[in-house]
Amino acid sequence: MSTNIVWHQHKITRAERAHNKNQKPCLLWFTGLSGSGKSTIANALDVALHERGYHTFLLDGDNVRHGLNKDLGFSDADRVENIRRIGEVSKLFTDAGLIVLSAFISPFTSDRRMVRNLFPAGEFIEVFMDTPLETCEQRDPKGLYEKARAGQIKHFTGIDSPYESPERPEVRLDTSIMGVEQCIDHLIGYLLQRGLIFDNGKTP
């Protein structure tokens, strides 16, 4: 990093920005295998929170690789850098007082810990999509598992590249036995319980 770069403090704090939105900033980090329901549930939660009057932003793995991270491949180093950039962007959004939802496989514990360490205690919420590999492979919405099994895709998470399951996620969901509405109810309940959102979008 250049030595002539200085961090500039904002005159409006993140707490003040969040107060105007009647919420507290946080990052919900959806992690799990391809096909586990990350994007589906993250999108559904985004809609549910928006309908309740909350201010959110959703970062999806595929979308980000079309723009911000289009220069990155899928080597180990590029995967780490992909997650690092997403973490930094997510932090900027939470500094704006937003509730951020991210949907990335993020298979390695060290990468998820790296992002967690960017946030104050309680603001990083790890949502583990604990859907069995068999279910994910049956769904195979992009046909990726079939290609990985055929050897057309190398280092595919869950097939020939490991997924390190979170040991103590804040939220655990299994979309093989839970429907979308049940998952959203669980997540909304968690956010209410933690005081990150408030009934009817109003602070107490």
C-alpha atoms as a PDB file:
ATOM      1  CA  MET A   1       0.000   0.000   0.000  1.00  0.00           C
ATOM      2  CA  SER A   2       1.243   3.503  -0.832  1.00  0.00           C
ATOM      3  CA  THR A   3       2.484   5.500   2.158  1.00  0.00           C
ATOM      4  CA  ASN A   4       0.650   8.669   1.042  1.00  0.00           C
ATOM      5  CA  ILE A   5      -2.828   7.173   1.479  1.00  0.00           C
ATOM      6  CA  VAL A   6      -4.702   8.459   4.528  1.00  0.00           C
ATOM      7  CA  TRP A   7      -8.031   7.184   5.905  1.00  0.00           C
ATOM      8  CA  HIS A   8     -10.569  10.039   6.011  1.00  0.00           C
ATOM      9  CA  GLN A   9     -13.124  10.002   8.809  1.00  0.00           C
ATOM     10  CA  HIS A  10     -16.707  10.789   7.799  1.00  0.00           C
ATOM     11  CA  LYS A  11     -18.618  13.510   9.609  1.00  0.00           C
ATOM     12  CA  ILE A  12     -21.731  11.303   9.616  1.00  0.00           C
ATOM     13  CA  THR A  13     -21.216   8.081  11.536  1.00  0.00           C
ATOM     14  CA  ARG A  14     -22.473   4.650  10.487  1.00  0.00           C
ATOM     15  CA  ALA A  15     -24.703   4.642  13.563  1.00  0.00           C
ATOM     16  CA  GLU A  16     -26.315   7.929  12.489  1.00  0.00           C
ATOM     17  CA  ARG A  17     -26.883   6.609   8.977  1.00  0.00           C
ATOM     18  CA  ALA A  18     -28.447   3.418  10.340  1.00  0.00           C
ATOM     19  CA  HIS A  19     -30.631   5.343  12.818  1.00  0.00           C
ATOM     20  CA  ASN A  20     -32.258   7.227   9.940  1.00  0.00           C
ATOM     21  CA  LYS A  21     -33.123   3.856   8.420  1.00  0.00           C
ATOM     22  CA  ASN A  22     -34.594   2.410  11.660  1.00  0.00           C
ATOM     23  CA  GLN A  23     -32.227  -0.539  11.590  1.00  0.00           C
ATOM     24  CA  LYS A  24     -28.742  -1.607  12.588  1.00  0.00           C
ATOM     25  CA  PRO A  25     -26.101  -2.435   9.955  1.00  0.00           C
ATOM     26  CA  CYS A  26     -25.003  -6.022   9.518  1.00  0.00           C
ATOM     27  CA  LEU A  27     -23.795  -8.545   6.959  1.00  0.00           C
ATOM     28  CA  LEU A  28     -25.626 -11.825   6.433  1.00  0.00           C
ATOM     29  CA  TRP A  29     -23.047 -14.096   4.813  1.00  0.00           C
ATOM     30  CA  PHE A  30     -24.784 -17.006   3.063  1.00  0.00           C
ATOM     31  CA  THR A  31     -22.348 -19.868   2.549  1.00  0.00           C
ATOM     32  CA  GLY A  32     -22.893 -23.369   1.205  1.00  0.00           C
ATOM     33  CA  LEU A  33     -22.538 -25.664  -1.764  1.00  0.00           C
ATOM     34  CA  SER A  34     -23.725 -24.762  -5.240  1.00  0.00           C
ATOM     35  CA  GLY A  35     -27.449 -25.501  -5.310  1.00  0.00           C
ATOM     36  CA  SER A  36     -27.857 -25.289  -1.537  1.00  0.00           C
ATOM     37  CA  GLY A  37     -30.244 -22.343  -1.785  1.00  0.00           C
ATOM     38  CA  LYS A  38     -27.931 -19.405  -1.045  1.00  0.00           C
ATOM     39  CA  SER A  39     -29.133 -17.088  -3.800  1.00  0.00           C
ATOM     40  CA  THR A  40     -32.772 -18.189  -3.521  1.00  0.00           C
ATOM     41  CA  ILE A  41     -32.996 -17.506   0.206  1.00  0.00           C
ATOM     42  CA  ALA A  42     -30.867 -14.354   0.080  1.00  0.00           C
ATOM     43  CA  ASN A  43     -33.091 -12.919  -2.659  1.00  0.00           C
ATOM     44  CA  ALA A  44     -36.253 -13.874  -0.792  1.00  0.00           C
ATOM     45  CA  LEU A  45     -34.953 -12.265   2.409  1.00  0.00           C
ATOM     46  CA  ASP A  46     -33.976  -9.155   0.454  1.00  0.00           C
ATOM     47  CA  VAL A  47     -37.571  -8.858  -0.805  1.00  0.00           C
ATOM     48  CA  ALA A  48     -39.059  -9.573   2.636  1.00  0.00           C
ATOM     49  CA  LEU A  49     -36.933  -6.908   4.318  1.00  0.00           C
ATOM     50  CA  HIS A  50     -37.629  -4.379   1.560  1.00  0.00           C
ATOM     51  CA  GLU A  51     -41.363  -4.944   1.901  1.00  0.00           C
ATOM     52  CA  ARG A  52     -41.030  -4.234   5.627  1.00  0.00           C
ATOM     53  CA  GLY A  53     -39.343  -0.912   4.894  1.00  0.00           C
ATOM     54  CA  TYR A  54     -35.724  -1.840   5.608  1.00  0.00           C
ATOM     55  CA  HIS A  55     -32.727  -0.744   3.549  1.00  0.00           C
ATOM     56  CA  THR A  56     -30.704  -3.624   2.111  1.00  0.00           C
ATOM     57  CA  PHE A  57     -28.290  -4.554  -0.641  1.00  0.00           C
ATOM     58  CA  LEU A  58     -27.680  -8.011  -2.076  1.00  0.00           C
ATOM     59  CA  LEU A  59     -24.308  -9.146  -3.399  1.00  0.00           C
ATOM     60  CA  ASP A  60     -24.472 -12.337  -5.460  1.00  0.00           C
ATOM     61  CA  GLY A  61     -21.423 -14.344  -6.458  1.00  0.00           C
ATOM     62  CA  ASP A  62     -22.186 -14.574 -10.167  1.00  0.00           C
ATOM     63  CA  ASN A  63     -23.167 -10.907 -10.465  1.00  0.00           C
ATOM     64  CA  VAL A  64     -20.014  -9.692  -8.758  1.00  0.00           C
ATOM     65  CA  ARG A  65     -17.852 -11.771 -11.096  1.00  0.00           C
ATOM     66  CA  HIS A  66     -19.477  -9.997 -14.044  1.00  0.00           C
ATOM     67  CA  GLY A  67     -18.163  -6.650 -12.851  1.00  0.00           C
ATOM     68  CA  LEU A  68     -16.035  -5.944  -9.781  1.00  0.00           C
ATOM     69  CA  ASN A  69     -14.221  -9.286  -9.919  1.00  0.00           C
ATOM     70  CA  LYS A  70     -14.317 -10.086 -13.628  1.00  0.00           C
ATOM     71  CA  ASP A  71     -10.504 -10.072 -13.646  1.00  0.00           C
ATOM     72  CA  LEU A  72     -10.374 -13.035 -11.248  1.00  0.00           C
ATOM     73  CA  GLY A  73     -10.338 -16.712 -12.128  1.00  0.00           C
ATOM     74  CA  PHE A  74     -10.859 -19.712  -9.854  1.00  0.00           C
ATOM     75  CA  SER A  75      -7.341 -20.430  -8.662  1.00  0.00           C
ATOM     76  CA  ASP A  76      -6.854 -20.648  -4.895  1.00  0.00           C
ATOM     77  CA  ALA A  77      -5.323 -17.171  -4.846  1.00  0.00           C
ATOM     78  CA  ASP A  78      -8.099 -15.669  -6.961  1.00  0.00           C
ATOM     79  CA  ARG A  79     -10.778 -17.247  -4.793  1.00  0.00           C
ATOM     80  CA  VAL A  80      -9.243 -15.694  -1.691  1.00  0.00           C
ATOM     81  CA  GLU A  81      -9.038 -12.306  -3.413  1.00  0.00           C
ATOM     82  CA  ASN A  82     -12.659 -12.656  -4.573  1.00  0.00           C
ATOM     83  CA  ILE A  83     -13.834 -13.078  -0.986  1.00  0.00           C
ATOM     84  CA  ARG A  84     -11.521 -10.348   0.322  1.00  0.00           C
ATOM     85  CA  ARG A  85     -12.965  -7.799  -2.104  1.00  0.00           C
ATOM     86  CA  ILE A  86     -16.517  -8.808  -1.264  1.00  0.00           C
ATOM     87  CA  GLY A  87     -15.760  -8.399   2.417  1.00  0.00           C
ATOM     88  CA  GLU A  88     -14.379  -4.918   1.897  1.00  0.00           C
ATOM     89  CA  VAL A  89     -17.331  -3.877  -0.279  1.00  0.00           C
ATOM     90  CA  SER A  90     -19.755  -5.293   2.263  1.00  0.00           C
ATOM     91  CA  LYS A  91     -18.071  -3.268   4.992  1.00  0.00           C
ATOM     92  CA  LEU A  92     -18.533  -0.084   2.957  1.00  0.00           C
ATOM     93  CA  PHE A  93     -22.233  -0.860   2.559  1.00  0.00           C
ATOM     94  CA  THR A  94     -22.662  -1.475   6.290  1.00  0.00           C
ATOM     95  CA  ASP A  95     -20.830   1.786   6.961  1.00  0.00           C
ATOM     96  CA  ALA A  96     -23.693   3.362   4.989  1.00  0.00           C
ATOM     97  CA  GLY A  97     -26.095   1.820   7.494  1.00  0.00           C
ATOM     98  CA  LEU A  98     -27.354  -0.957   5.239  1.00  0.00           C
ATOM     99  CA  ILE A  99     -28.245  -4.569   5.908  1.00  0.00           C
ATOM    100  CA  VAL A 100     -26.071  -6.471   3.416  1.00  0.00           C
ATOM    101  CA  LEU A 101     -26.792  -9.959   2.121  1.00  0.00           C
ATOM    102  CA  SER A 102     -24.081 -11.902   0.318  1.00  0.00           C
ATOM    103  CA  ALA A 103     -24.397 -15.256  -1.425  1.00  0.00           C
ATOM    104  CA  PHE A 104     -21.036 -16.933  -2.064  1.00  0.00           C
ATOM    105  CA  ILE A 105     -19.926 -20.538  -1.765  1.00  0.00           C
ATOM    106  CA  SER A 106     -16.890 -19.323   0.239  1.00  0.00           C
ATOM    107  CA  PRO A 107     -15.803 -22.885   1.044  1.00  0.00           C
ATOM    108  CA  PHE A 108     -12.847 -22.148   3.319  1.00  0.00           C
ATOM    109  CA  THR A 109     -13.040 -21.303   7.004  1.00  0.00           C
ATOM    110  CA  SER A 110     -10.029 -18.980   6.785  1.00  0.00           C
ATOM    111  CA  ASP A 111     -11.693 -16.828   4.110  1.00  0.00           C
ATOM    112  CA  ARG A 112     -14.930 -16.501   6.069  1.00  0.00           C
ATOM    113  CA  ARG A 113     -12.945 -15.657   9.210  1.00  0.00           C
ATOM    114  CA  MET A 114     -11.083 -12.979   7.237  1.00  0.00           C
ATOM    115  CA  VAL A 115     -14.373 -11.274   6.406  1.00  0.00           C
ATOM    116  CA  ARG A 116     -15.764 -11.710   9.916  1.00  0.00           C
ATOM    117  CA  ASN A 117     -12.716  -9.923  11.315  1.00  0.00           C
ATOM    118  CA  LEU A 118     -13.558  -6.826   9.254  1.00  0.00           C
ATOM    119  CA  PHE A 119     -16.739  -6.267  11.262  1.00  0.00           C
ATOM    120  CA  PRO A 120     -17.555  -5.250  14.822  1.00  0.00           C
ATOM    121  CA  ALA A 121     -18.744  -8.075  17.057  1.00  0.00           C
ATOM    122  CA  GLY A 122     -22.280  -9.156  16.209  1.00  0.00           C
ATOM    123  CA  GLU A 123     -22.440  -7.594  12.748  1.00  0.00           C
ATOM    124  CA  PHE A 124     -21.209 -10.616  10.771  1.00  0.00           C
ATOM    125  CA  ILE A 125     -23.946 -13.245  10.607  1.00  0.00           C
ATOM    126  CA  GLU A 126     -22.836 -16.513   9.060  1.00  0.00           C
ATOM    127  CA  VAL A 127     -25.807 -18.277   7.458  1.00  0.00           C
ATOM    128  CA  PHE A 128     -24.797 -21.842   6.680  1.00  0.00           C
ATOM    129  CA  MET A 129     -26.954 -23.424   3.977  1.00  0.00           C
ATOM    130  CA  ASP A 130     -26.560 -26.924   5.386  1.00  0.00           C
ATOM    131  CA  THR A 131     -28.227 -28.664   2.451  1.00  0.00           C
ATOM    132  CA  PRO A 132     -26.862 -32.176   1.720  1.00  0.00           C
ATOM    133  CA  LEU A 133     -24.652 -32.634  -1.329  1.00  0.00           C
ATOM    134  CA  GLU A 134     -27.107 -35.220  -2.690  1.00  0.00           C
ATOM    135  CA  THR A 135     -29.899 -32.629  -2.754  1.00  0.00           C
ATOM    136  CA  CYS A 136     -27.686 -29.965  -4.305  1.00  0.00           C
ATOM    137  CA  GLU A 137     -26.542 -32.380  -6.991  1.00  0.00           C
ATOM    138  CA  GLN A 138     -30.109 -33.458  -7.764  1.00  0.00           C
ATOM    139  CA  ARG A 139     -31.082 -29.830  -8.286  1.00  0.00           C
ATOM    140  CA  ASP A 140     -27.953 -28.894 -10.274  1.00  0.00           C
ATOM    141  CA  PRO A 141     -29.643 -25.731 -11.658  1.00  0.00           C
ATOM    142  CA  LYS A 142     -26.617 -24.778 -13.763  1.00  0.00           C
ATOM    143  CA  GLY A 143     -25.560 -28.293 -14.758  1.00  0.00           C
ATOM    144  CA  LEU A 144     -22.260 -27.766 -12.961  1.00  0.00           C
ATOM    145  CA  TYR A 145     -22.210 -30.984 -10.952  1.00  0.00           C
ATOM    146  CA  GLU A 146     -22.779 -33.028 -14.097  1.00  0.00           C
ATOM    147  CA  LYS A 147     -19.849 -31.280 -15.776  1.00  0.00           C
ATOM    148  CA  ALA A 148     -17.675 -31.709 -12.679  1.00  0.00           C
ATOM    149  CA  ARG A 149     -18.466 -35.429 -12.495  1.00  0.00           C
ATOM    150  CA  ALA A 150     -17.550 -35.702 -16.176  1.00  0.00           C
ATOM    151  CA  GLY A 151     -14.219 -33.990 -15.543  1.00  0.00           C
ATOM    152  CA  GLN A 152     -15.154 -30.908 -17.574  1.00  0.00           C
ATOM    153  CA  ILE A 153     -14.841 -28.630 -14.526  1.00  0.00           C
ATOM    154  CA  LYS A 154     -11.856 -29.022 -12.239  1.00  0.00           C
ATOM    155  CA  HIS A 155     -11.608 -28.052  -8.552  1.00  0.00           C
ATOM    156  CA  PHE A 156     -15.380 -27.939  -8.159  1.00  0.00           C
ATOM    157  CA  THR A 157     -16.479 -27.487  -4.554  1.00  0.00           C
ATOM    158  CA  GLY A 158     -18.081 -30.617  -3.160  1.00  0.00           C
ATOM    159  CA  ILE A 159     -16.687 -32.896  -5.884  1.00  0.00           C
ATOM    160  CA  ASP A 160     -12.912 -32.558  -6.159  1.00  0.00           C
ATOM    161  CA  SER A 161     -12.437 -29.490  -3.982  1.00  0.00           C
ATOM    162  CA  PRO A 162     -13.401 -29.443  -0.296  1.00  0.00           C
ATOM    163  CA  TYR A 163     -16.077 -27.431   1.465  1.00  0.00           C
ATOM    164  CA  GLU A 164     -15.213 -26.632   5.076  1.00  0.00           C
ATOM    165  CA  SER A 165     -18.512 -26.487   6.934  1.00  0.00           C
ATOM    166  CA  PRO A 166     -18.899 -23.737   9.545  1.00  0.00           C
ATOM    167  CA  GLU A 167     -18.604 -25.131  13.057  1.00  0.00           C
ATOM    168  CA  ARG A 168     -20.628 -22.436  14.835  1.00  0.00           C
ATOM    169  CA  PRO A 169     -22.695 -20.465  12.314  1.00  0.00           C
ATOM    170  CA  GLU A 170     -25.139 -17.908  13.655  1.00  0.00           C
ATOM    171  CA  VAL A 171     -27.893 -19.469  11.514  1.00  0.00           C
ATOM    172  CA  ARG A 172     -28.145 -22.937   9.992  1.00  0.00           C
ATOM    173  CA  LEU A 173     -30.685 -23.713   7.233  1.00  0.00           C
ATOM    174  CA  ASP A 174     -31.341 -26.938   5.311  1.00  0.00           C
ATOM    175  CA  THR A 175     -33.450 -26.335   2.216  1.00  0.00           C
ATOM    176  CA  SER A 176     -33.929 -30.072   1.717  1.00  0.00           C
ATOM    177  CA  ILE A 177     -36.387 -29.976   4.639  1.00  0.00           C
ATOM    178  CA  MET A 178     -37.189 -26.245   4.946  1.00  0.00           C
ATOM    179  CA  GLY A 179     -39.232 -24.250   2.458  1.00  0.00           C
ATOM    180  CA  VAL A 180     -38.452 -20.675   1.452  1.00  0.00           C
ATOM    181  CA  GLU A 181     -41.070 -19.129   3.751  1.00  0.00           C
ATOM    182  CA  GLN A 182     -39.834 -21.173   6.702  1.00  0.00           C
ATOM    183  CA  CYS A 183     -36.253 -20.040   6.070  1.00  0.00           C
ATOM    184  CA  ILE A 184     -37.317 -16.394   5.814  1.00  0.00           C
ATOM    185  CA  ASP A 185     -39.385 -16.585   8.996  1.00  0.00           C
ATOM    186  CA  HIS A 186     -36.376 -18.051  10.786  1.00  0.00           C
ATOM    187  CA  LEU A 187     -34.047 -15.313   9.525  1.00  0.00           C
ATOM    188  CA  ILE A 188     -36.486 -12.475  10.274  1.00  0.00           C
ATOM    189  CA  GLY A 189     -36.955 -13.899  13.754  1.00  0.00           C
ATOM    190  CA  TYR A 190     -33.195 -13.984  14.284  1.00  0.00           C
ATOM    191  CA  LEU A 191     -32.763 -10.357  13.171  1.00  0.00           C
ATOM    192  CA  LEU A 192     -35.608  -9.236  15.460  1.00  0.00           C
ATOM    193  CA  GLN A 193     -34.222 -11.182  18.391  1.00  0.00           C
ATOM    194  CA  ARG A 194     -30.796  -9.636  17.917  1.00  0.00           C
ATOM    195  CA  GLY A 195     -32.262  -6.127  17.693  1.00  0.00           C
ATOM    196  CA  LEU A 196     -30.906  -5.561  14.193  1.00  0.00           C
ATOM    197  CA  ILE A 197     -34.385  -4.803  12.887  1.00  0.00           C
ATOM    198  CA  PHE A 198     -37.472  -3.730  14.784  1.00  0.00           C
ATOM    199  CA  ASP A 199     -41.171  -4.575  14.654  1.00  0.00           C
ATOM    200  CA  ASN A 200     -42.854  -2.536  11.903  1.00  0.00           C
ATOM    201  CA  GLY A 201     -39.497  -0.986  11.072  1.00  0.00           C
ATOM    202  CA  LYS A 202     -39.698   1.300  14.119  1.00  0.00           C
ATOM    203  CA  THR A 203     -36.990   1.700  16.700  1.00  0.00           C
ATOM    204  CA  PRO A 204     -38.140   1.282  20.316  1.00  0.00           C
END
